[in-house]
Amino acid sequence: GEFLDKKNSREWYAALMDYGSYLKKTFPNPSRKSV
């Protein structure tokens, strides 16, 4: 909520998804820590 780009949420989330995909290929999948 704090870092959400309220004017460009579409681009913000598209960037987050691309970055998250990159992280999974570069580091042990961080989402495995999620309950």
PDB file of all heavy atoms in Angstrom:
ATOM      1  N   GLY A   1       0.806  -1.206   0.000  1.00  0.00           N
ATOM      2  CA  GLY A   1       0.000   0.000   0.000  1.00  0.00           C
ATOM      3  C   GLY A   1       0.844   1.262   0.000  1.00  0.00           C
ATOM      4  O   GLY A   1       0.535   2.240  -0.680  1.00  0.00           O
ATOM      5  N   GLU A   2       1.962   1.228   0.743  1.00  0.00           N
ATOM      6  CA  GLU A   2       2.822   2.407   0.838  1.00  0.00           C
ATOM      7  C   GLU A   2       3.503   2.724  -0.485  1.00  0.00           C
ATOM      8  O   GLU A   2       3.643   3.894  -0.861  1.00  0.00           O
ATOM      9  CB  GLU A   2       3.882   2.182   1.921  1.00  0.00           C
ATOM     10  CG  GLU A   2       4.815   3.373   2.110  1.00  0.00           C
ATOM     11  CD  GLU A   2       5.824   3.149   3.226  1.00  0.00           C
ATOM     12  OE1 GLU A   2       5.714   2.134   3.958  1.00  0.00           O
ATOM     13  OE2 GLU A   2       6.738   3.993   3.356  1.00  0.00           O
ATOM     14  N   PHE A   3       3.930   1.703  -1.195  1.00  0.00           N
ATOM     15  CA  PHE A   3       4.718   1.929  -2.408  1.00  0.00           C
ATOM     16  C   PHE A   3       3.890   1.874  -3.692  1.00  0.00           C
ATOM     17  O   PHE A   3       4.436   2.061  -4.783  1.00  0.00           O
ATOM     18  CB  PHE A   3       5.856   0.907  -2.489  1.00  0.00           C
ATOM     19  CG  PHE A   3       6.896   1.111  -1.427  1.00  0.00           C
ATOM     20  CD1 PHE A   3       6.938   0.276  -0.321  1.00  0.00           C
ATOM     21  CD2 PHE A   3       7.801   2.159  -1.505  1.00  0.00           C
ATOM     22  CE1 PHE A   3       7.884   0.463   0.673  1.00  0.00           C
ATOM     23  CE2 PHE A   3       8.758   2.353  -0.512  1.00  0.00           C
ATOM     24  CZ  PHE A   3       8.801   1.507   0.583  1.00  0.00           C
ATOM     25  N   LEU A   4       2.598   1.643  -3.585  1.00  0.00           N
ATOM     26  CA  LEU A   4       1.745   1.575  -4.771  1.00  0.00           C
ATOM     27  C   LEU A   4       1.772   2.891  -5.548  1.00  0.00           C
ATOM     28  O   LEU A   4       1.580   3.974  -4.981  1.00  0.00           O
ATOM     29  CB  LEU A   4       0.302   1.260  -4.349  1.00  0.00           C
ATOM     30  CG  LEU A   4      -0.747   1.281  -5.464  1.00  0.00           C
ATOM     31  CD1 LEU A   4      -0.436   0.233  -6.523  1.00  0.00           C
ATOM     32  CD2 LEU A   4      -2.138   1.060  -4.875  1.00  0.00           C
ATOM     33  N   ASP A   5       2.022   2.806  -6.838  1.00  0.00           N
ATOM     34  CA  ASP A   5       1.965   3.974  -7.713  1.00  0.00           C
ATOM     35  C   ASP A   5       0.496   4.185  -8.103  1.00  0.00           C
ATOM     36  O   ASP A   5      -0.031   3.481  -8.971  1.00  0.00           O
ATOM     37  CB  ASP A   5       2.823   3.741  -8.959  1.00  0.00           C
ATOM     38  CG  ASP A   5       2.937   4.987  -9.833  1.00  0.00           C
ATOM     39  OD1 ASP A   5       2.025   5.838  -9.772  1.00  0.00           O
ATOM     40  OD2 ASP A   5       3.923   5.096 -10.575  1.00  0.00           O
ATOM     41  N   LYS A   6      -0.161   5.116  -7.470  1.00  0.00           N
ATOM     42  CA  LYS A   6      -1.595   5.300  -7.662  1.00  0.00           C
ATOM     43  C   LYS A   6      -1.948   5.952  -9.000  1.00  0.00           C
ATOM     44  O   LYS A   6      -3.095   5.886  -9.444  1.00  0.00           O
ATOM     45  CB  LYS A   6      -2.164   6.115  -6.505  1.00  0.00           C
ATOM     46  CG  LYS A   6      -2.054   5.383  -5.172  1.00  0.00           C
ATOM     47  CD  LYS A   6      -2.672   6.180  -4.040  1.00  0.00           C
ATOM     48  CE  LYS A   6      -2.561   5.404  -2.725  1.00  0.00           C
ATOM     49  NZ  LYS A   6      -3.138   6.171  -1.575  1.00  0.00           N
ATOM     50  N   LYS A   7      -0.974   6.582  -9.644  1.00  0.00           N
ATOM     51  CA  LYS A   7      -1.246   7.199 -10.941  1.00  0.00           C
ATOM     52  C   LYS A   7      -0.923   6.258 -12.106  1.00  0.00           C
ATOM     53  O   LYS A   7      -1.489   6.389 -13.189  1.00  0.00           O
ATOM     54  CB  LYS A   7      -0.437   8.492 -11.082  1.00  0.00           C
ATOM     55  CG  LYS A   7      -0.880   9.601 -10.137  1.00  0.00           C
ATOM     56  CD  LYS A   7      -0.083  10.877 -10.396  1.00  0.00           C
ATOM     57  CE  LYS A   7      -0.567  12.004  -9.487  1.00  0.00           C
ATOM     58  NZ  LYS A   7       0.206  13.268  -9.734  1.00  0.00           N
ATOM     59  N   ASN A   8      -0.009   5.354 -11.868  1.00  0.00           N
ATOM     60  CA  ASN A   8       0.417   4.433 -12.934  1.00  0.00           C
ATOM     61  C   ASN A   8       0.460   2.997 -12.411  1.00  0.00           C
ATOM     62  O   ASN A   8       1.477   2.306 -12.528  1.00  0.00           O
ATOM     63  CB  ASN A   8       1.790   4.840 -13.476  1.00  0.00           C
ATOM     64  CG  ASN A   8       1.782   6.217 -14.101  1.00  0.00           C
ATOM     65  OD1 ASN A   8       1.197   6.418 -15.155  1.00  0.00           O
ATOM     66  ND2 ASN A   8       2.428   7.168 -13.434  1.00  0.00           N
ATOM     67  N   SER A   9      -0.632   2.553 -11.818  1.00  0.00           N
ATOM     68  CA  SER A   9      -0.635   1.228 -11.202  1.00  0.00           C
ATOM     69  C   SER A   9      -0.438   0.123 -12.240  1.00  0.00           C
ATOM     70  O   SER A   9       0.148  -0.911 -11.948  1.00  0.00           O
ATOM     71  CB  SER A   9      -1.940   1.007 -10.435  1.00  0.00           C
ATOM     72  OG  SER A   9      -3.059   1.127 -11.280  1.00  0.00           O
ATOM     73  N   ARG A  10      -0.927   0.343 -13.462  1.00  0.00           N
ATOM     74  CA  ARG A  10      -0.774  -0.668 -14.509  1.00  0.00           C
ATOM     75  C   ARG A  10       0.707  -0.937 -14.783  1.00  0.00           C
ATOM     76  O   ARG A  10       1.148  -2.087 -14.799  1.00  0.00           O
ATOM     77  CB  ARG A  10      -1.472  -0.194 -15.782  1.00  0.00           C
ATOM     78  CG  ARG A  10      -1.403  -1.181 -16.934  1.00  0.00           C
ATOM     79  CD  ARG A  10      -1.899  -0.545 -18.211  1.00  0.00           C
ATOM     80  NE  ARG A  10      -3.332  -0.311 -18.163  1.00  0.00           N
ATOM     81  CZ  ARG A  10      -3.916   0.831 -18.509  1.00  0.00           C
ATOM     82  NH1 ARG A  10      -3.174   1.868 -18.892  1.00  0.00           N
ATOM     83  NH2 ARG A  10      -5.227   0.964 -18.477  1.00  0.00           N
ATOM     84  N   GLU A  11       1.479   0.123 -14.993  1.00  0.00           N
ATOM     85  CA  GLU A  11       2.910  -0.031 -15.265  1.00  0.00           C
ATOM     86  C   GLU A  11       3.652  -0.557 -14.038  1.00  0.00           C
ATOM     87  O   GLU A  11       4.594  -1.347 -14.156  1.00  0.00           O
ATOM     88  CB  GLU A  11       3.510   1.296 -15.703  1.00  0.00           C
ATOM     89  CG  GLU A  11       3.026   1.765 -17.077  1.00  0.00           C
ATOM     90  CD  GLU A  11       3.722   3.030 -17.529  1.00  0.00           C
ATOM     91  OE1 GLU A  11       4.753   3.405 -16.915  1.00  0.00           O
ATOM     92  OE2 GLU A  11       3.238   3.658 -18.484  1.00  0.00           O
ATOM     93  N   TRP A  12       3.241  -0.092 -12.868  1.00  0.00           N
ATOM     94  CA  TRP A  12       3.881  -0.515 -11.620  1.00  0.00           C
ATOM     95  C   TRP A  12       3.786  -2.026 -11.453  1.00  0.00           C
ATOM     96  O   TRP A  12       4.781  -2.707 -11.194  1.00  0.00           O
ATOM     97  CB  TRP A  12       3.235   0.215 -10.457  1.00  0.00           C
ATOM     98  CG  TRP A  12       3.605  -0.246  -9.074  1.00  0.00           C
ATOM     99  CD1 TRP A  12       2.757  -0.766  -8.142  1.00  0.00           C
ATOM    100  CD2 TRP A  12       4.899  -0.206  -8.454  1.00  0.00           C
ATOM    101  NE1 TRP A  12       3.439  -1.058  -6.983  1.00  0.00           N
ATOM    102  CE2 TRP A  12       4.752  -0.722  -7.154  1.00  0.00           C
ATOM    103  CE3 TRP A  12       6.148   0.204  -8.891  1.00  0.00           C
ATOM    104  CZ2 TRP A  12       5.817  -0.843  -6.272  1.00  0.00           C
ATOM    105  CZ3 TRP A  12       7.223   0.086  -8.005  1.00  0.00           C
ATOM    106  CH2 TRP A  12       7.049  -0.426  -6.715  1.00  0.00           C
ATOM    107  N   TYR A  13       2.582  -2.557 -11.622  1.00  0.00           N
ATOM    108  CA  TYR A  13       2.409  -3.993 -11.430  1.00  0.00           C
ATOM    109  C   TYR A  13       3.038  -4.810 -12.554  1.00  0.00           C
ATOM    110  O   TYR A  13       3.552  -5.917 -12.319  1.00  0.00           O
ATOM    111  CB  TYR A  13       0.924  -4.338 -11.291  1.00  0.00           C
ATOM    112  CG  TYR A  13       0.407  -4.084  -9.894  1.00  0.00           C
ATOM    113  CD1 TYR A  13      -0.555  -3.113  -9.658  1.00  0.00           C
ATOM    114  CD2 TYR A  13       0.879  -4.813  -8.811  1.00  0.00           C
ATOM    115  CE1 TYR A  13      -1.032  -2.866  -8.376  1.00  0.00           C
ATOM    116  CE2 TYR A  13       0.412  -4.584  -7.523  1.00  0.00           C
ATOM    117  CZ  TYR A  13      -0.546  -3.607  -7.311  1.00  0.00           C
ATOM    118  OH  TYR A  13      -1.011  -3.372  -6.035  1.00  0.00           O
ATOM    119  N   ALA A  14       3.024  -4.287 -13.777  1.00  0.00           N
ATOM    120  CA  ALA A  14       3.690  -4.985 -14.870  1.00  0.00           C
ATOM    121  C   ALA A  14       5.186  -5.104 -14.577  1.00  0.00           C
ATOM    122  O   ALA A  14       5.808  -6.155 -14.803  1.00  0.00           O
ATOM    123  CB  ALA A  14       3.458  -4.252 -16.188  1.00  0.00           C
ATOM    124  N   ALA A  15       5.769  -4.019 -14.051  1.00  0.00           N
ATOM    125  CA  ALA A  15       7.192  -4.030 -13.702  1.00  0.00           C
ATOM    126  C   ALA A  15       7.469  -5.005 -12.556  1.00  0.00           C
ATOM    127  O   ALA A  15       8.463  -5.746 -12.577  1.00  0.00           O
ATOM    128  CB  ALA A  15       7.641  -2.622 -13.315  1.00  0.00           C
ATOM    129  N   LEU A  16       6.591  -5.003 -11.542  1.00  0.00           N
ATOM    130  CA  LEU A  16       6.766  -5.916 -10.414  1.00  0.00           C
ATOM    131  C   LEU A  16       6.722  -7.375 -10.866  1.00  0.00           C
ATOM    132  O   LEU A  16       7.515  -8.210 -10.401  1.00  0.00           O
ATOM    133  CB  LEU A  16       5.680  -5.677  -9.361  1.00  0.00           C
ATOM    134  CG  LEU A  16       5.817  -4.452  -8.462  1.00  0.00           C
ATOM    135  CD1 LEU A  16       4.610  -4.349  -7.534  1.00  0.00           C
ATOM    136  CD2 LEU A  16       7.113  -4.498  -7.653  1.00  0.00           C
ATOM    137  N   MET A  17       5.798  -7.679 -11.771  1.00  0.00           N
ATOM    138  CA  MET A  17       5.680  -9.058 -12.243  1.00  0.00           C
ATOM    139  C   MET A  17       6.922  -9.485 -13.020  1.00  0.00           C
ATOM    140  O   MET A  17       7.420 -10.608 -12.850  1.00  0.00           O
ATOM    141  CB  MET A  17       4.430  -9.206 -13.108  1.00  0.00           C
ATOM    142  CG  MET A  17       3.139  -9.139 -12.317  1.00  0.00           C
ATOM    143  SD  MET A  17       1.692  -9.274 -13.391  1.00  0.00           S
ATOM    144  CE  MET A  17       0.373  -9.277 -12.160  1.00  0.00           C
ATOM    145  N   ASP A  18       7.428  -8.597 -13.868  1.00  0.00           N
ATOM    146  CA  ASP A  18       8.654  -8.913 -14.610  1.00  0.00           C
ATOM    147  C   ASP A  18       9.828  -9.093 -13.657  1.00  0.00           C
ATOM    148  O   ASP A  18      10.650 -10.012 -13.818  1.00  0.00           O
ATOM    149  CB  ASP A  18       8.970  -7.796 -15.610  1.00  0.00           C
ATOM    150  CG  ASP A  18       8.088  -7.866 -16.842  1.00  0.00           C
ATOM    151  OD1 ASP A  18       7.412  -8.890 -17.029  1.00  0.00           O
ATOM    152  OD2 ASP A  18       8.061  -6.884 -17.608  1.00  0.00           O
ATOM    153  N   TYR A  19       9.906  -8.204 -12.672  1.00  0.00           N
ATOM    154  CA  TYR A  19      11.006  -8.283 -11.713  1.00  0.00           C
ATOM    155  C   TYR A  19      10.896  -9.555 -10.871  1.00  0.00           C
ATOM    156  O   TYR A  19      11.902 -10.229 -10.605  1.00  0.00           O
ATOM    157  CB  TYR A  19      11.001  -7.037 -10.833  1.00  0.00           C
ATOM    158  CG  TYR A  19      12.115  -6.967  -9.820  1.00  0.00           C
ATOM    159  CD1 TYR A  19      13.405  -7.401 -10.135  1.00  0.00           C
ATOM    160  CD2 TYR A  19      11.888  -6.450  -8.545  1.00  0.00           C
ATOM    161  CE1 TYR A  19      14.428  -7.334  -9.210  1.00  0.00           C
ATOM    162  CE2 TYR A  19      12.908  -6.378  -7.620  1.00  0.00           C
ATOM    163  CZ  TYR A  19      14.170  -6.817  -7.950  1.00  0.00           C
ATOM    164  OH  TYR A  19      15.181  -6.751  -7.028  1.00  0.00           O
ATOM    165  N   GLY A  20       9.676  -9.891 -10.456  1.00  0.00           N
ATOM    166  CA  GLY A  20       9.478 -11.114  -9.680  1.00  0.00           C
ATOM    167  C   GLY A  20       9.873 -12.354 -10.456  1.00  0.00           C
ATOM    168  O   GLY A  20      10.466 -13.292  -9.903  1.00  0.00           O
ATOM    169  N   SER A  21       9.564 -12.357 -11.736  1.00  0.00           N
ATOM    170  CA  SER A  21       9.961 -13.481 -12.590  1.00  0.00           C
ATOM    171  C   SER A  21      11.483 -13.591 -12.674  1.00  0.00           C
ATOM    172  O   SER A  21      12.054 -14.687 -12.626  1.00  0.00           O
ATOM    173  CB  SER A  21       9.357 -13.290 -13.989  1.00  0.00           C
ATOM    174  OG  SER A  21       9.751 -14.326 -14.856  1.00  0.00           O
ATOM    175  N   TYR A  22      12.139 -12.437 -12.775  1.00  0.00           N
ATOM    176  CA  TYR A  22      13.611 -12.403 -12.798  1.00  0.00           C
ATOM    177  C   TYR A  22      14.191 -12.937 -11.483  1.00  0.00           C
ATOM    178  O   TYR A  22      15.143 -13.728 -11.484  1.00  0.00           O
ATOM    179  CB  TYR A  22      14.090 -10.977 -13.044  1.00  0.00           C
ATOM    180  CG  TYR A  22      15.537 -10.737 -12.692  1.00  0.00           C
ATOM    181  CD1 TYR A  22      16.549 -11.133 -13.559  1.00  0.00           C
ATOM    182  CD2 TYR A  22      15.881 -10.129 -11.486  1.00  0.00           C
ATOM    183  CE1 TYR A  22      17.885 -10.930 -13.222  1.00  0.00           C
ATOM    184  CE2 TYR A  22      17.202  -9.921 -11.149  1.00  0.00           C
ATOM    185  CZ  TYR A  22      18.204 -10.322 -12.019  1.00  0.00           C
ATOM    186  OH  TYR A  22      19.525 -10.135 -11.679  1.00  0.00           O
ATOM    187  N   LEU A  23      13.626 -12.522 -10.357  1.00  0.00           N
ATOM    188  CA  LEU A  23      14.126 -12.961  -9.053  1.00  0.00           C
ATOM    189  C   LEU A  23      14.054 -14.483  -8.917  1.00  0.00           C
ATOM    190  O   LEU A  23      14.975 -15.111  -8.377  1.00  0.00           O
ATOM    191  CB  LEU A  23      13.314 -12.305  -7.932  1.00  0.00           C
ATOM    192  CG  LEU A  23      13.564 -10.822  -7.675  1.00  0.00           C
ATOM    193  CD1 LEU A  23      12.600 -10.308  -6.614  1.00  0.00           C
ATOM    194  CD2 LEU A  23      15.007 -10.575  -7.261  1.00  0.00           C
ATOM    195  N   LYS A  24      12.968 -15.075  -9.411  1.00  0.00           N
ATOM    196  CA  LYS A  24      12.805 -16.527  -9.292  1.00  0.00           C
ATOM    197  C   LYS A  24      13.880 -17.276 -10.075  1.00  0.00           C
ATOM    198  O   LYS A  24      14.246 -18.398  -9.716  1.00  0.00           O
ATOM    199  CB  LYS A  24      11.421 -16.937  -9.793  1.00  0.00           C
ATOM    200  CG  LYS A  24      10.300 -16.538  -8.853  1.00  0.00           C
ATOM    201  CD  LYS A  24       8.961 -17.007  -9.408  1.00  0.00           C
ATOM    202  CE  LYS A  24       7.832 -16.670  -8.468  1.00  0.00           C
ATOM    203  NZ  LYS A  24       6.524 -17.116  -8.989  1.00  0.00           N
ATOM    204  N   LYS A  25      14.359 -16.656 -11.150  1.00  0.00           N
ATOM    205  CA  LYS A  25      15.395 -17.301 -11.963  1.00  0.00           C
ATOM    206  C   LYS A  25      16.787 -17.050 -11.406  1.00  0.00           C
ATOM    207  O   LYS A  25      17.740 -17.749 -11.764  1.00  0.00           O
ATOM    208  CB  LYS A  25      15.323 -16.778 -13.399  1.00  0.00           C
ATOM    209  CG  LYS A  25      14.025 -17.110 -14.110  1.00  0.00           C
ATOM    210  CD  LYS A  25      13.963 -16.439 -15.477  1.00  0.00           C
ATOM    211  CE  LYS A  25      12.631 -16.701 -16.161  1.00  0.00           C
ATOM    212  NZ  LYS A  25      12.530 -15.995 -17.472  1.00  0.00           N
ATOM    213  N   THR A  26      16.912 -16.045 -10.537  1.00  0.00           N
ATOM    214  CA  THR A  26      18.222 -15.615 -10.058  1.00  0.00           C
ATOM    215  C   THR A  26      18.505 -16.081  -8.633  1.00  0.00           C
ATOM    216  O   THR A  26      19.647 -16.364  -8.275  1.00  0.00           O
ATOM    217  CB  THR A  26      18.324 -14.076 -10.108  1.00  0.00           C
ATOM    218  OG1 THR A  26      17.905 -13.626 -11.398  1.00  0.00           O
ATOM    219  CG2 THR A  26      19.752 -13.617  -9.862  1.00  0.00           C
ATOM    220  N   PHE A  27      17.450 -16.154  -7.813  1.00  0.00           N
ATOM    221  CA  PHE A  27      17.581 -16.558  -6.408  1.00  0.00           C
ATOM    222  C   PHE A  27      16.649 -17.736  -6.142  1.00  0.00           C
ATOM    223  O   PHE A  27      15.744 -18.007  -6.935  1.00  0.00           O
ATOM    224  CB  PHE A  27      17.191 -15.389  -5.480  1.00  0.00           C
ATOM    225  CG  PHE A  27      18.034 -14.160  -5.667  1.00  0.00           C
ATOM    226  CD1 PHE A  27      17.657 -13.155  -6.546  1.00  0.00           C
ATOM    227  CD2 PHE A  27      19.210 -13.999  -4.946  1.00  0.00           C
ATOM    228  CE1 PHE A  27      18.420 -12.013  -6.708  1.00  0.00           C
ATOM    229  CE2 PHE A  27      19.991 -12.855  -5.097  1.00  0.00           C
ATOM    230  CZ  PHE A  27      19.596 -11.874  -5.982  1.00  0.00           C
ATOM    231  N   PRO A  28      16.880 -18.443  -5.024  1.00  0.00           N
ATOM    232  CA  PRO A  28      15.884 -19.437  -4.620  1.00  0.00           C
ATOM    233  C   PRO A  28      14.515 -18.755  -4.510  1.00  0.00           C
ATOM    234  O   PRO A  28      14.409 -17.671  -3.942  1.00  0.00           O
ATOM    235  CB  PRO A  28      16.388 -19.908  -3.255  1.00  0.00           C
ATOM    236  CG  PRO A  28      17.858 -19.633  -3.281  1.00  0.00           C
ATOM    237  CD  PRO A  28      18.024 -18.386  -4.106  1.00  0.00           C
ATOM    238  N   ASN A  29      13.497 -19.353  -5.076  1.00  0.00           N
ATOM    239  CA  ASN A  29      12.176 -18.730  -5.180  1.00  0.00           C
ATOM    240  C   ASN A  29      11.733 -18.106  -3.860  1.00  0.00           C
ATOM    241  O   ASN A  29      11.406 -18.815  -2.910  1.00  0.00           O
ATOM    242  CB  ASN A  29      11.160 -19.780  -5.626  1.00  0.00           C
ATOM    243  CG  ASN A  29       9.789 -19.187  -5.897  1.00  0.00           C
ATOM    244  OD1 ASN A  29       9.551 -18.009  -5.670  1.00  0.00           O
ATOM    245  ND2 ASN A  29       8.895 -20.017  -6.390  1.00  0.00           N
ATOM    246  N   PRO A  30      11.706 -16.761  -3.762  1.00  0.00           N
ATOM    247  CA  PRO A  30      11.333 -16.107  -2.499  1.00  0.00           C
ATOM    248  C   PRO A  30       9.911 -16.451  -2.051  1.00  0.00           C
ATOM    249  O   PRO A  30       9.633 -16.468  -0.843  1.00  0.00           O
ATOM    250  CB  PRO A  30      11.436 -14.612  -2.829  1.00  0.00           C
ATOM    251  CG  PRO A  30      12.345 -14.539  -4.013  1.00  0.00           C
ATOM    252  CD  PRO A  30      12.052 -15.772  -4.800  1.00  0.00           C
ATOM    253  N   SER A  31       9.009 -16.729  -2.996  1.00  0.00           N
ATOM    254  CA  SER A  31       7.615 -16.973  -2.624  1.00  0.00           C
ATOM    255  C   SER A  31       7.440 -18.273  -1.849  1.00  0.00           C
ATOM    256  O   SER A  31       6.382 -18.511  -1.255  1.00  0.00           O
ATOM    257  CB  SER A  31       6.715 -16.983  -3.868  1.00  0.00           C
ATOM    258  OG  SER A  31       7.016 -18.074  -4.707  1.00  0.00           O
ATOM    259  N   ARG A  32       8.471 -19.105  -1.817  1.00  0.00           N
ATOM    260  CA  ARG A  32       8.386 -20.340  -1.028  1.00  0.00           C
ATOM    261  C   ARG A  32       8.329 -20.050   0.463  1.00  0.00           C
ATOM    262  O   ARG A  32       7.952 -20.909   1.253  1.00  0.00           O
ATOM    263  CB  ARG A  32       9.577 -21.250  -1.338  1.00  0.00           C
ATOM    264  CG  ARG A  32       9.544 -21.846  -2.742  1.00  0.00           C
ATOM    265  CD  ARG A  32      10.777 -22.672  -3.036  1.00  0.00           C
ATOM    266  NE  ARG A  32      10.770 -23.171  -4.406  1.00  0.00           N
ATOM    267  CZ  ARG A  32      11.794 -23.781  -4.995  1.00  0.00           C
ATOM    268  NH1 ARG A  32      12.921 -23.958  -4.311  1.00  0.00           N
ATOM    269  NH2 ARG A  32      11.704 -24.198  -6.230  1.00  0.00           N
ATOM    270  N   LYS A  33       8.734 -18.840   0.849  1.00  0.00           N
ATOM    271  CA  LYS A  33       8.634 -18.448   2.253  1.00  0.00           C
ATOM    272  C   LYS A  33       7.206 -18.086   2.652  1.00  0.00           C
ATOM    273  O   LYS A  33       6.898 -17.942   3.832  1.00  0.00           O
ATOM    274  CB  LYS A  33       9.522 -17.232   2.527  1.00  0.00           C
ATOM    275  CG  LYS A  33      11.015 -17.472   2.346  1.00  0.00           C
ATOM    276  CD  LYS A  33      11.774 -16.183   2.653  1.00  0.00           C
ATOM    277  CE  LYS A  33      13.270 -16.354   2.493  1.00  0.00           C
ATOM    278  NZ  LYS A  33      13.997 -15.092   2.806  1.00  0.00           N
ATOM    279  N   SER A  34       6.341 -17.909   1.667  1.00  0.00           N
ATOM    280  CA  SER A  34       4.970 -17.494   1.944  1.00  0.00           C
ATOM    281  C   SER A  34       4.159 -18.641   2.542  1.00  0.00           C
ATOM    282  O   SER A  34       4.281 -19.797   2.116  1.00  0.00           O
ATOM    283  CB  SER A  34       4.297 -17.017   0.651  1.00  0.00           C
ATOM    284  OG  SER A  34       2.918 -16.809   0.854  1.00  0.00           O
ATOM    285  N   VAL A  35       3.324 -18.306   3.512  1.00  0.00           N
ATOM    286  CA  VAL A  35       2.440 -19.321   4.092  1.00  0.00           C
ATOM    287  C   VAL A  35       1.407 -19.765   3.067  1.00  0.00           C
ATOM    288  O   VAL A  35       0.751 -20.806   3.243  1.00  0.00           O
ATOM    289  CB  VAL A  35       1.714 -18.784   5.352  1.00  0.00           C
ATOM    290  CG1 VAL A  35       2.705 -18.451   6.441  1.00  0.00           C
ATOM    291  CG2 VAL A  35       0.848 -17.574   5.014  1.00  0.00           C
TER     292      VAL A  35
END
